[in-house]
Amino acid sequence: MKTIEIQASIEEKREELIELIRKYGVNHHRVITCSQELDILLYRLMESITCTE
């Protein structure tokens, strides 16, 4: 995945997370799962930036 694609995925996942928090609150299992998915995307972004430096 290219850096720009990862950034787009992060933005989409972030928006999804915000909506889930509004709907279910911060402790709901769907919110936690989405947050973990966002963490993975952020880690991938950090890896891709580190590898290009």
C-alpha atoms as a PDB file:
ATOM      1  CA  MET A   1       0.000   0.000   0.000  1.00  0.00           C
ATOM      2  CA  LYS A   2       1.347   3.424  -0.907  1.00  0.00           C
ATOM      3  CA  THR A   3       1.599   6.171   1.680  1.00  0.00           C
ATOM      4  CA  ILE A   4      -1.173   8.219   0.062  1.00  0.00           C
ATOM      5  CA  GLU A   5      -3.481   5.191   0.074  1.00  0.00           C
ATOM      6  CA  ILE A   6      -2.730   4.524   3.724  1.00  0.00           C
ATOM      7  CA  GLN A   7      -3.457   8.159   4.570  1.00  0.00           C
ATOM      8  CA  ALA A   8      -6.816   7.942   2.771  1.00  0.00           C
ATOM      9  CA  SER A   9      -7.645   4.726   4.627  1.00  0.00           C
ATOM     10  CA  ILE A  10      -6.726   6.374   7.919  1.00  0.00           C
ATOM     11  CA  GLU A  11      -9.055   9.280   7.243  1.00  0.00           C
ATOM     12  CA  GLU A  12     -11.925   6.956   6.351  1.00  0.00           C
ATOM     13  CA  LYS A  13     -11.354   4.799   9.427  1.00  0.00           C
ATOM     14  CA  ARG A  14     -11.094   7.883  11.649  1.00  0.00           C
ATOM     15  CA  GLU A  15     -14.453   9.147  10.401  1.00  0.00           C
ATOM     16  CA  GLU A  16     -15.973   5.707  10.950  1.00  0.00           C
ATOM     17  CA  LEU A  17     -14.592   5.654  14.487  1.00  0.00           C
ATOM     18  CA  ILE A  18     -16.077   9.064  15.288  1.00  0.00           C
ATOM     19  CA  GLU A  19     -19.504   7.928  14.102  1.00  0.00           C
ATOM     20  CA  LEU A  20     -19.314   4.707  16.096  1.00  0.00           C
ATOM     21  CA  ILE A  21     -18.339   6.614  19.232  1.00  0.00           C
ATOM     22  CA  ARG A  22     -21.297   8.953  18.773  1.00  0.00           C
ATOM     23  CA  LYS A  23     -23.638   6.002  18.300  1.00  0.00           C
ATOM     24  CA  TYR A  24     -22.336   3.510  20.888  1.00  0.00           C
ATOM     25  CA  GLY A  25     -19.945   5.294  23.270  1.00  0.00           C
ATOM     26  CA  VAL A  26     -16.266   4.578  23.778  1.00  0.00           C
ATOM     27  CA  ASN A  27     -16.488   1.145  25.429  1.00  0.00           C
ATOM     28  CA  HIS A  28     -18.563  -0.699  22.817  1.00  0.00           C
ATOM     29  CA  HIS A  29     -16.871  -3.661  21.134  1.00  0.00           C
ATOM     30  CA  ARG A  30     -17.445  -2.187  17.653  1.00  0.00           C
ATOM     31  CA  VAL A  31     -15.673   1.015  18.701  1.00  0.00           C
ATOM     32  CA  ILE A  32     -12.749  -0.900  20.174  1.00  0.00           C
ATOM     33  CA  THR A  33     -12.394  -3.030  17.031  1.00  0.00           C
ATOM     34  CA  CYS A  34     -12.474   0.035  14.790  1.00  0.00           C
ATOM     35  CA  SER A  35      -9.903   1.754  16.995  1.00  0.00           C
ATOM     36  CA  GLN A  36      -7.595  -1.258  16.722  1.00  0.00           C
ATOM     37  CA  GLU A  37      -7.984  -1.230  12.936  1.00  0.00           C
ATOM     38  CA  LEU A  38      -7.053   2.454  12.934  1.00  0.00           C
ATOM     39  CA  ASP A  39      -4.003   1.654  15.073  1.00  0.00           C
ATOM     40  CA  ILE A  40      -2.870  -0.891  12.468  1.00  0.00           C
ATOM     41  CA  LEU A  41      -3.235   1.649   9.670  1.00  0.00           C
ATOM     42  CA  LEU A  42      -1.272   4.229  11.647  1.00  0.00           C
ATOM     43  CA  TYR A  43       1.465   1.685  12.277  1.00  0.00           C
ATOM     44  CA  ARG A  44       1.598   0.898   8.541  1.00  0.00           C
ATOM     45  CA  LEU A  45       1.908   4.609   7.785  1.00  0.00           C
ATOM     46  CA  MET A  46       4.782   4.976  10.240  1.00  0.00           C
ATOM     47  CA  GLU A  47       6.491   1.954   8.694  1.00  0.00           C
ATOM     48  CA  SER A  48       6.096   3.309   5.160  1.00  0.00           C
ATOM     49  CA  ILE A  49       7.483   6.712   6.156  1.00  0.00           C
ATOM     50  CA  THR A  50      10.414   5.146   8.015  1.00  0.00           C
ATOM     51  CA  CYS A  51      11.268   2.885   5.062  1.00  0.00           C
ATOM     52  CA  THR A  52      11.381   5.805   2.617  1.00  0.00           C
ATOM     53  CA  GLU A  53      13.753   7.911   4.731  1.00  0.00           C
END
